[in-house]
Amino acid sequence: MLNRTKHLIKICLSWCLIPLSLILASPAKAQFIGLNLDLAIAYSAAPGNVSGGSVGVTHPVPFFPNIGVSRVIFQEKQTETSTASSSNSLSLVTDTKIETVNFFYNIPFPVVSIAIGIGAGVMTTNTSVTETSGNSSNSDDSDLSTPVSEGFIHIGLPFWSIIEFHIGYHLMSVSKLDLTNESGISVTEYSLDKKNYTGGMTTIGVQIAL
């Protein structure tokens, strides 16, 4: 009797494993909606660490682009000595933020998934300008903004139909800026070049199907 019961249990388990294996082996179904969450790990025009990333929403409507937003934030410090007097120096601390809205399409491939998109937005800079002369100093702020254009690509590896891990590269194109342009401090004695913050943001992230 005990052996017969064990035999029946084995048969039941075998029949249960068959549909399970068919589900796992079946191709991924089209998702209804997906959420992309990406973390910025580097920006080529930033001098050090960055924060930010991108968020996107995908949908199954054909020919209609998906939508997302991107952001990268970083800080840069710069010190220059006056060409007229070595006792005078100029210190710049610039907080930069780039924000865009983008549209993208997912391109399916047999093994990997690729998303390609374009976007536009604004870069804002807040520069604290401090001139030191001997024991005295003078400070002022310079706030600027300029348009940004974006182009990006994500390459991912899907797992079943619910999750995908991917890497991305977002190229941000902006005009060169005179960071002290809105400051009340004269900087004619200092060798300052216009800043070029055009660069690429590298991201890593996941897409989750909902």
N, C-alpha and C. Protein backbone atom coordinates (compact mmCIF):
# COMPACT_ATOMS: atom_id res chain seq x y z
N MET A 1 0.83 -1.20 0.00
CA MET A 1 0.00 0.00 0.00
C MET A 1 0.87 1.26 0.00
N LEU A 2 1.91 1.24 0.80
CA LEU A 2 2.81 2.39 0.90
C LEU A 2 3.53 2.62 -0.43
N ASN A 3 3.97 1.54 -1.06
CA ASN A 3 4.65 1.68 -2.35
C ASN A 3 3.72 2.24 -3.41
N ARG A 4 2.43 1.80 -3.38
CA ARG A 4 1.46 2.31 -4.35
C ARG A 4 1.23 3.81 -4.15
N THR A 5 1.18 4.25 -2.89
CA THR A 5 0.99 5.67 -2.61
C THR A 5 2.16 6.49 -3.12
N LYS A 6 3.39 6.01 -2.88
CA LYS A 6 4.57 6.70 -3.37
C LYS A 6 4.55 6.80 -4.90
N HIS A 7 4.09 5.71 -5.54
CA HIS A 7 4.03 5.69 -6.99
C HIS A 7 3.04 6.74 -7.52
N LEU A 8 1.89 6.87 -6.85
CA LEU A 8 0.89 7.86 -7.25
C LEU A 8 1.41 9.28 -7.07
N ILE A 9 2.16 9.49 -5.97
CA ILE A 9 2.72 10.82 -5.73
C ILE A 9 3.71 11.19 -6.83
N LYS A 10 4.56 10.23 -7.24
CA LYS A 10 5.52 10.49 -8.31
C LYS A 10 4.81 10.83 -9.62
N ILE A 11 3.72 10.12 -9.91
CA ILE A 11 2.97 10.39 -11.13
C ILE A 11 2.38 11.80 -11.10
N CYS A 12 1.81 12.18 -9.95
CA CYS A 12 1.22 13.52 -9.82
C CYS A 12 2.27 14.62 -9.98
N LEU A 13 3.44 14.40 -9.35
CA LEU A 13 4.51 15.39 -9.47
C LEU A 13 4.98 15.52 -10.91
N SER A 14 5.04 14.39 -11.60
CA SER A 14 5.48 14.42 -13.00
C SER A 14 4.51 15.22 -13.85
N TRP A 15 3.22 15.02 -13.63
CA TRP A 15 2.21 15.76 -14.40
C TRP A 15 2.22 17.25 -14.06
N CYS A 16 2.57 17.58 -12.82
CA CYS A 16 2.66 18.99 -12.43
C CYS A 16 3.88 19.68 -13.04
N LEU A 17 4.96 18.93 -13.20
CA LEU A 17 6.19 19.51 -13.75
C LEU A 17 6.10 19.77 -15.24
N ILE A 18 5.26 19.01 -15.93
CA ILE A 18 5.14 19.17 -17.38
C ILE A 18 4.63 20.57 -17.75
N PRO A 19 3.48 21.03 -17.20
CA PRO A 19 3.06 22.39 -17.57
C PRO A 19 4.01 23.47 -17.09
N LEU A 20 4.67 23.23 -15.93
CA LEU A 20 5.63 24.20 -15.43
C LEU A 20 6.80 24.37 -16.39
N SER A 21 7.30 23.25 -16.90
CA SER A 21 8.41 23.31 -17.84
C SER A 21 8.00 23.97 -19.15
N LEU A 22 6.75 23.78 -19.56
CA LEU A 22 6.28 24.41 -20.78
C LEU A 22 6.18 25.92 -20.62
N ILE A 23 5.78 26.35 -19.41
CA ILE A 23 5.68 27.79 -19.15
C ILE A 23 7.05 28.44 -19.20
N LEU A 24 8.05 27.79 -18.55
CA LEU A 24 9.40 28.36 -18.51
C LEU A 24 10.05 28.35 -19.88
N ALA A 25 9.71 27.35 -20.69
CA ALA A 25 10.33 27.23 -22.01
C ALA A 25 9.63 28.06 -23.07
N SER A 26 8.43 28.56 -22.77
CA SER A 26 7.68 29.32 -23.76
C SER A 26 8.31 30.69 -23.98
N PRO A 27 8.17 31.28 -25.16
CA PRO A 27 8.75 32.60 -25.41
C PRO A 27 8.09 33.66 -24.56
N ALA A 28 8.86 34.77 -24.31
CA ALA A 28 8.35 35.85 -23.47
C ALA A 28 7.14 36.50 -24.12
N LYS A 29 6.10 36.76 -23.34
CA LYS A 29 4.91 37.42 -23.83
C LYS A 29 5.14 38.93 -23.87
N ALA A 30 4.41 39.60 -24.74
CA ALA A 30 4.53 41.05 -24.82
C ALA A 30 4.02 41.67 -23.52
N GLN A 31 4.81 42.57 -22.99
CA GLN A 31 4.44 43.17 -21.73
C GLN A 31 3.37 44.23 -21.93
N PHE A 32 2.54 44.44 -20.93
CA PHE A 32 1.52 45.47 -21.00
C PHE A 32 2.14 46.85 -20.76
N ILE A 33 2.95 46.93 -19.72
CA ILE A 33 3.63 48.19 -19.43
C ILE A 33 4.92 47.86 -18.69
N GLY A 34 5.95 48.67 -18.90
CA GLY A 34 7.25 48.42 -18.27
C GLY A 34 7.80 49.69 -17.65
N LEU A 35 8.60 49.51 -16.61
CA LEU A 35 9.22 50.64 -15.91
C LEU A 35 10.73 50.47 -15.95
N ASN A 36 11.42 51.47 -16.51
CA ASN A 36 12.88 51.46 -16.57
C ASN A 36 13.44 52.34 -15.45
N LEU A 37 14.36 51.77 -14.68
CA LEU A 37 15.02 52.51 -13.60
C LEU A 37 16.53 52.38 -13.79
N ASP A 38 17.20 53.52 -14.03
CA ASP A 38 18.63 53.52 -14.32
C ASP A 38 19.37 54.47 -13.40
N LEU A 39 20.57 54.06 -12.99
CA LEU A 39 21.41 54.84 -12.10
C LEU A 39 22.62 55.36 -12.87
N ALA A 40 22.91 56.65 -12.75
CA ALA A 40 24.10 57.23 -13.39
C ALA A 40 25.34 56.85 -12.60
N ILE A 41 26.34 56.29 -13.30
CA ILE A 41 27.58 55.91 -12.63
C ILE A 41 28.75 56.79 -13.07
N ALA A 42 28.58 57.55 -14.15
CA ALA A 42 29.66 58.43 -14.61
C ALA A 42 29.12 59.42 -15.63
N TYR A 43 29.80 60.57 -15.71
CA TYR A 43 29.53 61.55 -16.77
C TYR A 43 30.88 62.07 -17.24
N SER A 44 31.13 61.96 -18.53
CA SER A 44 32.48 62.19 -19.05
C SER A 44 32.95 63.63 -18.87
N ALA A 45 32.04 64.60 -18.76
CA ALA A 45 32.44 65.99 -18.59
C ALA A 45 32.52 66.41 -17.13
N ALA A 46 32.20 65.50 -16.23
CA ALA A 46 32.27 65.82 -14.79
C ALA A 46 33.64 65.47 -14.24
N PRO A 47 34.16 66.26 -13.30
CA PRO A 47 35.49 65.98 -12.76
C PRO A 47 35.53 64.85 -11.74
N GLY A 48 34.39 64.45 -11.24
CA GLY A 48 34.38 63.41 -10.21
C GLY A 48 33.06 62.66 -10.18
N ASN A 49 32.57 62.39 -8.98
CA ASN A 49 31.34 61.61 -8.82
C ASN A 49 30.12 62.39 -9.32
N VAL A 50 29.12 61.64 -9.74
CA VAL A 50 27.86 62.22 -10.21
C VAL A 50 26.70 61.51 -9.53
N SER A 51 25.54 62.15 -9.58
CA SER A 51 24.30 61.52 -9.13
C SER A 51 23.25 61.71 -10.21
N GLY A 52 22.20 60.92 -10.14
CA GLY A 52 21.13 61.02 -11.12
C GLY A 52 20.89 59.70 -11.82
N GLY A 53 20.37 59.77 -13.04
CA GLY A 53 20.05 58.58 -13.81
C GLY A 53 18.89 58.87 -14.74
N SER A 54 18.11 57.85 -15.02
CA SER A 54 16.97 58.03 -15.92
C SER A 54 15.83 57.10 -15.50
N VAL A 55 14.63 57.52 -15.84
CA VAL A 55 13.41 56.74 -15.61
C VAL A 55 12.61 56.75 -16.90
N GLY A 56 12.09 55.59 -17.28
CA GLY A 56 11.30 55.50 -18.50
C GLY A 56 10.11 54.58 -18.33
N VAL A 57 9.08 54.82 -19.14
CA VAL A 57 7.88 53.98 -19.14
C VAL A 57 7.66 53.47 -20.55
N THR A 58 7.51 52.16 -20.68
CA THR A 58 7.26 51.54 -21.98
C THR A 58 5.84 51.01 -22.04
N HIS A 59 5.32 50.84 -23.26
CA HIS A 59 3.95 50.39 -23.45
C HIS A 59 3.89 49.55 -24.73
N PRO A 60 2.80 48.81 -24.96
CA PRO A 60 2.73 47.93 -26.14
C PRO A 60 2.09 48.58 -27.37
N VAL A 61 1.76 49.87 -27.33
CA VAL A 61 1.11 50.51 -28.47
C VAL A 61 2.10 50.65 -29.63
N PRO A 62 1.83 50.07 -30.79
CA PRO A 62 2.80 50.11 -31.90
C PRO A 62 2.96 51.52 -32.46
N PHE A 63 4.19 51.83 -32.89
CA PHE A 63 4.56 53.08 -33.56
C PHE A 63 4.48 54.32 -32.67
N PHE A 64 4.04 54.17 -31.44
CA PHE A 64 3.96 55.31 -30.52
C PHE A 64 5.16 55.25 -29.58
N PRO A 65 5.97 56.32 -29.51
CA PRO A 65 7.21 56.24 -28.72
C PRO A 65 6.95 56.14 -27.22
N ASN A 66 7.89 55.50 -26.54
CA ASN A 66 7.89 55.48 -25.08
C ASN A 66 8.48 56.79 -24.57
N ILE A 67 8.26 57.08 -23.30
CA ILE A 67 8.68 58.36 -22.76
C ILE A 67 9.52 58.16 -21.50
N GLY A 68 10.47 59.07 -21.28
CA GLY A 68 11.32 58.97 -20.10
C GLY A 68 11.91 60.33 -19.74
N VAL A 69 12.63 60.37 -18.65
CA VAL A 69 13.34 61.57 -18.21
C VAL A 69 14.74 61.17 -17.78
N SER A 70 15.69 62.10 -17.94
CA SER A 70 17.08 61.87 -17.54
C SER A 70 17.55 63.04 -16.69
N ARG A 71 18.49 62.74 -15.78
CA ARG A 71 19.07 63.79 -14.94
C ARG A 71 20.47 63.38 -14.53
N VAL A 72 21.38 64.36 -14.52
CA VAL A 72 22.73 64.14 -13.99
C VAL A 72 23.15 65.41 -13.25
N ILE A 73 23.72 65.24 -12.06
CA ILE A 73 24.11 66.34 -11.19
C ILE A 73 25.55 66.13 -10.76
N PHE A 74 26.35 67.20 -10.80
CA PHE A 74 27.73 67.10 -10.34
C PHE A 74 28.24 68.47 -9.93
N GLN A 75 29.39 68.49 -9.27
CA GLN A 75 30.01 69.73 -8.81
C GLN A 75 31.45 69.80 -9.30
N GLU A 76 31.87 71.03 -9.61
CA GLU A 76 33.24 71.25 -10.05
C GLU A 76 33.84 72.44 -9.31
N LYS A 77 35.10 72.31 -8.90
CA LYS A 77 35.81 73.39 -8.22
C LYS A 77 37.01 73.81 -9.05
N GLN A 78 37.27 75.11 -9.08
CA GLN A 78 38.36 75.65 -9.89
C GLN A 78 38.98 76.85 -9.19
N THR A 79 40.31 76.94 -9.20
CA THR A 79 41.02 78.07 -8.60
C THR A 79 42.03 78.61 -9.62
N GLU A 80 41.99 79.93 -9.80
CA GLU A 80 42.90 80.58 -10.74
C GLU A 80 43.64 81.71 -10.03
N THR A 81 44.91 81.95 -10.43
CA THR A 81 45.71 83.05 -9.90
C THR A 81 45.69 84.21 -10.88
N SER A 82 45.61 85.43 -10.35
CA SER A 82 45.55 86.62 -11.19
C SER A 82 46.82 86.76 -12.03
N THR A 83 46.65 87.19 -13.27
CA THR A 83 47.80 87.45 -14.14
C THR A 83 48.46 88.78 -13.80
N ALA A 84 47.77 89.62 -13.02
CA ALA A 84 48.33 90.93 -12.65
C ALA A 84 49.05 90.90 -11.31
N SER A 85 48.59 90.07 -10.38
CA SER A 85 49.19 90.00 -9.04
C SER A 85 49.05 88.59 -8.50
N SER A 86 50.15 87.98 -8.11
CA SER A 86 50.13 86.61 -7.60
C SER A 86 49.43 86.49 -6.25
N SER A 87 49.16 87.64 -5.60
CA SER A 87 48.48 87.60 -4.30
C SER A 87 46.96 87.55 -4.45
N ASN A 88 46.47 87.71 -5.67
CA ASN A 88 45.03 87.65 -5.93
C ASN A 88 44.68 86.29 -6.55
N SER A 89 43.60 85.74 -6.09
CA SER A 89 43.15 84.45 -6.63
C SER A 89 41.63 84.45 -6.76
N LEU A 90 41.16 83.60 -7.65
CA LEU A 90 39.73 83.48 -7.93
C LEU A 90 39.33 82.02 -7.73
N SER A 91 38.27 81.80 -6.95
CA SER A 91 37.78 80.46 -6.68
C SER A 91 36.37 80.31 -7.24
N LEU A 92 36.13 79.25 -7.98
CA LEU A 92 34.82 78.95 -8.55
C LEU A 92 34.33 77.60 -8.05
N VAL A 93 33.12 77.57 -7.54
CA VAL A 93 32.46 76.31 -7.16
C VAL A 93 31.15 76.24 -7.93
N THR A 94 31.06 75.30 -8.86
CA THR A 94 29.92 75.24 -9.77
C THR A 94 29.11 73.97 -9.55
N ASP A 95 27.82 74.15 -9.27
CA ASP A 95 26.87 73.03 -9.19
C ASP A 95 26.09 72.98 -10.49
N THR A 96 26.20 71.85 -11.18
CA THR A 96 25.59 71.70 -12.50
C THR A 96 24.51 70.62 -12.47
N LYS A 97 23.38 70.92 -13.12
CA LYS A 97 22.28 69.94 -13.22
C LYS A 97 21.77 69.93 -14.66
N ILE A 98 21.72 68.74 -15.24
CA ILE A 98 21.20 68.54 -16.59
C ILE A 98 19.94 67.70 -16.49
N GLU A 99 18.84 68.21 -17.06
CA GLU A 99 17.56 67.49 -17.02
C GLU A 99 16.95 67.48 -18.42
N THR A 100 16.47 66.30 -18.84
CA THR A 100 15.87 66.17 -20.17
C THR A 100 14.61 65.32 -20.11
N VAL A 101 13.77 65.48 -21.12
CA VAL A 101 12.64 64.59 -21.39
C VAL A 101 12.95 63.91 -22.72
N ASN A 102 12.79 62.58 -22.76
CA ASN A 102 13.16 61.87 -23.98
C ASN A 102 12.06 60.93 -24.46
N PHE A 103 12.16 60.56 -25.73
CA PHE A 103 11.25 59.60 -26.35
C PHE A 103 12.11 58.51 -26.99
N PHE A 104 11.66 57.25 -26.85
CA PHE A 104 12.49 56.15 -27.33
C PHE A 104 11.65 54.99 -27.82
N TYR A 105 12.29 54.14 -28.63
CA TYR A 105 11.69 52.93 -29.16
C TYR A 105 12.51 51.72 -28.72
N ASN A 106 11.84 50.64 -28.42
CA ASN A 106 12.50 49.36 -28.12
C ASN A 106 12.61 48.55 -29.40
N ILE A 107 13.80 48.04 -29.68
CA ILE A 107 14.05 47.24 -30.87
C ILE A 107 14.37 45.82 -30.42
N PRO A 108 13.48 44.86 -30.66
CA PRO A 108 13.71 43.49 -30.18
C PRO A 108 14.74 42.75 -31.02
N PHE A 109 15.58 41.97 -30.35
CA PHE A 109 16.54 41.08 -30.99
C PHE A 109 16.41 39.71 -30.35
N PRO A 110 16.93 38.66 -31.00
CA PRO A 110 16.76 37.30 -30.45
C PRO A 110 17.32 37.12 -29.04
N VAL A 111 18.45 37.73 -28.73
CA VAL A 111 19.09 37.51 -27.43
C VAL A 111 19.04 38.75 -26.55
N VAL A 112 19.31 39.91 -27.13
CA VAL A 112 19.36 41.16 -26.36
C VAL A 112 18.23 42.08 -26.79
N SER A 113 17.99 43.09 -25.99
CA SER A 113 17.03 44.14 -26.35
C SER A 113 17.78 45.46 -26.44
N ILE A 114 17.34 46.30 -27.37
CA ILE A 114 17.98 47.59 -27.59
C ILE A 114 16.92 48.68 -27.59
N ALA A 115 17.19 49.77 -26.89
CA ALA A 115 16.33 50.94 -26.90
C ALA A 115 17.14 52.13 -27.40
N ILE A 116 16.56 52.88 -28.32
CA ILE A 116 17.21 54.05 -28.90
C ILE A 116 16.26 55.24 -28.76
N GLY A 117 16.80 56.39 -28.31
CA GLY A 117 15.93 57.53 -28.11
C GLY A 117 16.64 58.86 -28.25
N ILE A 118 15.83 59.91 -28.30
CA ILE A 118 16.33 61.28 -28.34
C ILE A 118 15.54 62.10 -27.33
N GLY A 119 16.15 63.22 -26.90
CA GLY A 119 15.46 64.06 -25.93
C GLY A 119 15.98 65.48 -25.96
N ALA A 120 15.36 66.32 -25.14
CA ALA A 120 15.76 67.72 -25.04
C ALA A 120 15.46 68.20 -23.63
N GLY A 121 16.19 69.22 -23.21
CA GLY A 121 15.97 69.74 -21.87
C GLY A 121 16.81 70.97 -21.60
N VAL A 122 17.19 71.13 -20.34
CA VAL A 122 17.90 72.33 -19.91
C VAL A 122 19.04 71.95 -18.98
N MET A 123 20.17 72.64 -19.11
CA MET A 123 21.26 72.55 -18.15
C MET A 123 21.32 73.84 -17.35
N THR A 124 21.35 73.74 -16.04
CA THR A 124 21.48 74.91 -15.18
C THR A 124 22.77 74.82 -14.38
N THR A 125 23.43 75.97 -14.22
CA THR A 125 24.65 76.03 -13.42
C THR A 125 24.52 77.13 -12.38
N ASN A 126 24.97 76.83 -11.19
CA ASN A 126 25.06 77.84 -10.13
C ASN A 126 26.51 77.90 -9.68
N THR A 127 27.17 79.03 -9.96
CA THR A 127 28.59 79.18 -9.68
C THR A 127 28.80 80.20 -8.58
N SER A 128 29.45 79.77 -7.52
CA SER A 128 29.85 80.69 -6.45
C SER A 128 31.25 81.22 -6.78
N VAL A 129 31.33 82.54 -7.00
CA VAL A 129 32.59 83.18 -7.41
C VAL A 129 33.16 83.94 -6.22
N THR A 130 34.40 83.61 -5.85
CA THR A 130 35.05 84.29 -4.72
C THR A 130 36.43 84.76 -5.14
N GLU A 131 36.66 86.08 -5.02
CA GLU A 131 37.97 86.64 -5.31
C GLU A 131 38.65 87.00 -3.99
N THR A 132 39.87 86.51 -3.83
CA THR A 132 40.64 86.77 -2.62
C THR A 132 41.85 87.64 -2.95
N SER A 133 41.99 88.72 -2.18
CA SER A 133 43.13 89.62 -2.36
C SER A 133 43.71 89.91 -0.98
N GLY A 134 44.84 89.28 -0.68
CA GLY A 134 45.44 89.43 0.64
C GLY A 134 44.55 88.81 1.70
N ASN A 135 44.12 89.62 2.67
CA ASN A 135 43.25 89.12 3.74
C ASN A 135 41.77 89.40 3.49
N SER A 136 41.44 89.98 2.37
CA SER A 136 40.04 90.30 2.07
C SER A 136 39.53 89.43 0.93
N SER A 137 38.22 89.27 0.89
CA SER A 137 37.61 88.46 -0.17
C SER A 137 36.26 89.05 -0.54
N ASN A 138 35.84 88.78 -1.74
CA ASN A 138 34.57 89.27 -2.28
C ASN A 138 33.89 88.12 -3.01
N SER A 139 32.60 87.91 -2.72
CA SER A 139 31.89 86.76 -3.29
C SER A 139 30.61 87.20 -4.00
N ASP A 140 30.24 86.42 -5.01
CA ASP A 140 28.98 86.65 -5.72
C ASP A 140 28.61 85.34 -6.42
N ASP A 141 27.35 85.26 -6.87
CA ASP A 141 26.87 84.06 -7.57
C ASP A 141 26.57 84.38 -9.02
N SER A 142 26.69 83.35 -9.86
CA SER A 142 26.36 83.46 -11.28
C SER A 142 25.50 82.26 -11.65
N ASP A 143 24.22 82.52 -11.99
CA ASP A 143 23.28 81.46 -12.35
C ASP A 143 23.00 81.52 -13.85
N LEU A 144 23.21 80.38 -14.52
CA LEU A 144 23.02 80.31 -15.96
C LEU A 144 22.18 79.10 -16.33
N SER A 145 21.60 79.14 -17.53
CA SER A 145 20.89 77.99 -18.07
C SER A 145 21.05 77.98 -19.58
N THR A 146 21.04 76.80 -20.16
CA THR A 146 21.21 76.65 -21.61
C THR A 146 20.51 75.38 -22.07
N PRO A 147 19.99 75.35 -23.31
CA PRO A 147 19.30 74.16 -23.81
C PRO A 147 20.24 72.96 -23.95
N VAL A 148 19.66 71.77 -23.84
CA VAL A 148 20.39 70.51 -23.97
C VAL A 148 19.67 69.62 -24.98
N SER A 149 20.42 68.94 -25.82
CA SER A 149 19.88 67.89 -26.67
C SER A 149 20.50 66.56 -26.27
N GLU A 150 19.73 65.49 -26.38
CA GLU A 150 20.15 64.19 -25.88
C GLU A 150 19.90 63.10 -26.92
N GLY A 151 20.83 62.16 -26.98
CA GLY A 151 20.65 60.95 -27.75
C GLY A 151 21.17 59.78 -26.93
N PHE A 152 20.44 58.66 -26.88
CA PHE A 152 20.89 57.57 -26.02
C PHE A 152 20.57 56.20 -26.59
N ILE A 153 21.28 55.22 -26.03
CA ILE A 153 21.05 53.82 -26.38
C ILE A 153 21.17 52.98 -25.12
N HIS A 154 20.26 52.03 -24.97
CA HIS A 154 20.31 51.04 -23.89
C HIS A 154 20.42 49.65 -24.52
N ILE A 155 21.28 48.83 -23.97
CA ILE A 155 21.42 47.44 -24.41
C ILE A 155 21.17 46.55 -23.20
N GLY A 156 20.18 45.66 -23.32
CA GLY A 156 19.77 44.87 -22.17
C GLY A 156 19.70 43.38 -22.44
N LEU A 157 19.67 42.63 -21.36
CA LEU A 157 19.54 41.17 -21.42
C LEU A 157 18.28 40.77 -20.67
N PRO A 158 17.23 40.33 -21.38
CA PRO A 158 15.97 39.99 -20.71
C PRO A 158 16.05 38.64 -19.99
N PHE A 159 15.31 38.55 -18.88
CA PHE A 159 15.14 37.30 -18.15
C PHE A 159 13.65 37.01 -18.07
N TRP A 160 13.22 35.92 -18.75
CA TRP A 160 11.81 35.58 -18.87
C TRP A 160 11.06 36.78 -19.43
N SER A 161 9.91 37.10 -18.91
CA SER A 161 9.13 38.21 -19.46
C SER A 161 8.91 39.33 -18.46
N ILE A 162 9.61 39.28 -17.31
CA ILE A 162 9.30 40.25 -16.26
C ILE A 162 10.45 41.20 -15.92
N ILE A 163 11.68 40.87 -16.29
CA ILE A 163 12.79 41.72 -15.86
C ILE A 163 13.89 41.71 -16.92
N GLU A 164 14.57 42.84 -17.00
CA GLU A 164 15.69 42.99 -17.94
C GLU A 164 16.77 43.84 -17.26
N PHE A 165 18.01 43.42 -17.39
CA PHE A 165 19.14 44.19 -16.90
C PHE A 165 19.84 44.84 -18.10
N HIS A 166 20.17 46.12 -17.98
CA HIS A 166 20.77 46.78 -19.14
C HIS A 166 21.78 47.84 -18.72
N ILE A 167 22.58 48.25 -19.70
CA ILE A 167 23.50 49.38 -19.55
C ILE A 167 23.09 50.43 -20.58
N GLY A 168 23.44 51.68 -20.30
CA GLY A 168 23.04 52.74 -21.21
C GLY A 168 24.10 53.81 -21.35
N TYR A 169 24.00 54.56 -22.44
CA TYR A 169 24.89 55.69 -22.68
C TYR A 169 24.05 56.84 -23.23
N HIS A 170 24.06 57.97 -22.50
CA HIS A 170 23.28 59.15 -22.88
C HIS A 170 24.25 60.26 -23.27
N LEU A 171 24.22 60.68 -24.52
CA LEU A 171 25.06 61.78 -24.97
C LEU A 171 24.30 63.08 -24.80
N MET A 172 24.84 63.98 -23.98
CA MET A 172 24.25 65.30 -23.74
C MET A 172 25.06 66.36 -24.47
N SER A 173 24.42 67.13 -25.33
CA SER A 173 25.10 68.17 -26.11
C SER A 173 24.62 69.55 -25.66
N VAL A 174 25.57 70.38 -25.21
CA VAL A 174 25.24 71.73 -24.73
C VAL A 174 26.25 72.74 -25.28
N SER A 175 25.88 74.02 -25.22
CA SER A 175 26.79 75.08 -25.65
C SER A 175 27.80 75.39 -24.55
N LYS A 176 28.95 75.93 -24.95
CA LYS A 176 29.94 76.36 -23.98
C LYS A 176 29.42 77.56 -23.19
N LEU A 177 29.82 77.63 -21.91
CA LEU A 177 29.33 78.68 -21.03
C LEU A 177 30.47 79.45 -20.39
N ASP A 178 30.26 80.76 -20.23
CA ASP A 178 31.11 81.59 -19.39
C ASP A 178 30.48 81.57 -18.00
N LEU A 179 31.01 80.75 -17.09
CA LEU A 179 30.37 80.50 -15.80
C LEU A 179 30.25 81.75 -14.94
N THR A 180 31.08 82.76 -15.18
CA THR A 180 31.05 83.98 -14.36
C THR A 180 30.28 85.11 -15.02
N ASN A 181 29.54 84.81 -16.07
CA ASN A 181 28.89 85.85 -16.86
C ASN A 181 27.90 86.69 -16.06
N GLU A 182 27.20 86.08 -15.11
CA GLU A 182 26.19 86.78 -14.32
C GLU A 182 26.72 87.23 -12.97
N SER A 183 28.01 87.12 -12.76
CA SER A 183 28.62 87.55 -11.51
C SER A 183 28.99 89.03 -11.57
N GLY A 184 28.93 89.71 -10.43
CA GLY A 184 29.33 91.11 -10.38
C GLY A 184 30.81 91.32 -10.18
N ILE A 185 31.57 90.23 -10.12
CA ILE A 185 33.02 90.32 -9.90
C ILE A 185 33.74 90.33 -11.25
N SER A 186 34.63 91.29 -11.42
CA SER A 186 35.41 91.36 -12.65
C SER A 186 36.47 90.25 -12.67
N VAL A 187 36.51 89.51 -13.77
CA VAL A 187 37.45 88.39 -13.87
C VAL A 187 38.42 88.58 -15.03
N THR A 188 38.60 89.82 -15.46
CA THR A 188 39.47 90.07 -16.61
C THR A 188 40.93 89.76 -16.33
N GLU A 189 41.31 89.72 -15.04
CA GLU A 189 42.70 89.43 -14.69
C GLU A 189 42.99 87.93 -14.61
N TYR A 190 42.00 87.12 -14.93
CA TYR A 190 42.17 85.68 -14.77
C TYR A 190 41.97 84.98 -16.11
N SER A 191 42.73 83.93 -16.30
CA SER A 191 42.66 83.17 -17.56
C SER A 191 41.57 82.10 -17.43
N LEU A 192 40.37 82.48 -17.79
CA LEU A 192 39.23 81.57 -17.69
C LEU A 192 38.70 81.26 -19.08
N ASP A 193 38.58 79.97 -19.37
CA ASP A 193 37.99 79.54 -20.63
C ASP A 193 36.52 79.22 -20.43
N LYS A 194 35.76 79.30 -21.51
CA LYS A 194 34.37 78.87 -21.44
C LYS A 194 34.30 77.37 -21.17
N LYS A 195 33.34 76.98 -20.34
CA LYS A 195 33.20 75.57 -19.97
C LYS A 195 32.37 74.82 -21.00
N ASN A 196 32.83 73.62 -21.31
CA ASN A 196 32.10 72.74 -22.22
C ASN A 196 31.66 71.50 -21.44
N TYR A 197 30.37 71.42 -21.15
CA TYR A 197 29.84 70.29 -20.39
C TYR A 197 29.16 69.25 -21.29
N THR A 198 29.43 69.31 -22.59
CA THR A 198 28.97 68.24 -23.47
C THR A 198 29.68 66.93 -23.08
N GLY A 199 28.92 65.87 -22.93
CA GLY A 199 29.53 64.61 -22.51
C GLY A 199 28.54 63.47 -22.51
N GLY A 200 28.99 62.34 -22.03
CA GLY A 200 28.16 61.13 -22.01
C GLY A 200 27.92 60.63 -20.60
N MET A 201 26.66 60.32 -20.31
CA MET A 201 26.29 59.73 -19.02
C MET A 201 26.14 58.23 -19.18
N THR A 202 26.92 57.47 -18.41
CA THR A 202 26.84 56.02 -18.42
C THR A 202 25.91 55.56 -17.29
N THR A 203 25.01 54.63 -17.63
CA THR A 203 24.02 54.18 -16.64
C THR A 203 23.97 52.66 -16.59
N ILE A 204 23.50 52.15 -15.47
CA ILE A 204 23.13 50.74 -15.34
C ILE A 204 21.74 50.69 -14.74
N GLY A 205 20.95 49.69 -15.11
CA GLY A 205 19.60 49.67 -14.57
C GLY A 205 18.82 48.41 -14.94
N VAL A 206 17.53 48.45 -14.61
CA VAL A 206 16.63 47.33 -14.88
C VAL A 206 15.36 47.84 -15.49
N GLN A 207 14.69 46.94 -16.21
CA GLN A 207 13.33 47.18 -16.68
C GLN A 207 12.44 46.11 -16.09
N ILE A 208 11.36 46.53 -15.46
CA ILE A 208 10.43 45.61 -14.81
C ILE A 208 9.10 45.69 -15.53
N ALA A 209 8.59 44.55 -15.97
CA ALA A 209 7.28 44.49 -16.63
C ALA A 209 6.20 44.40 -15.58
N LEU A 210 5.20 45.24 -15.73
CA LEU A 210 4.08 45.29 -14.76
C LEU A 210 2.81 44.70 -15.36
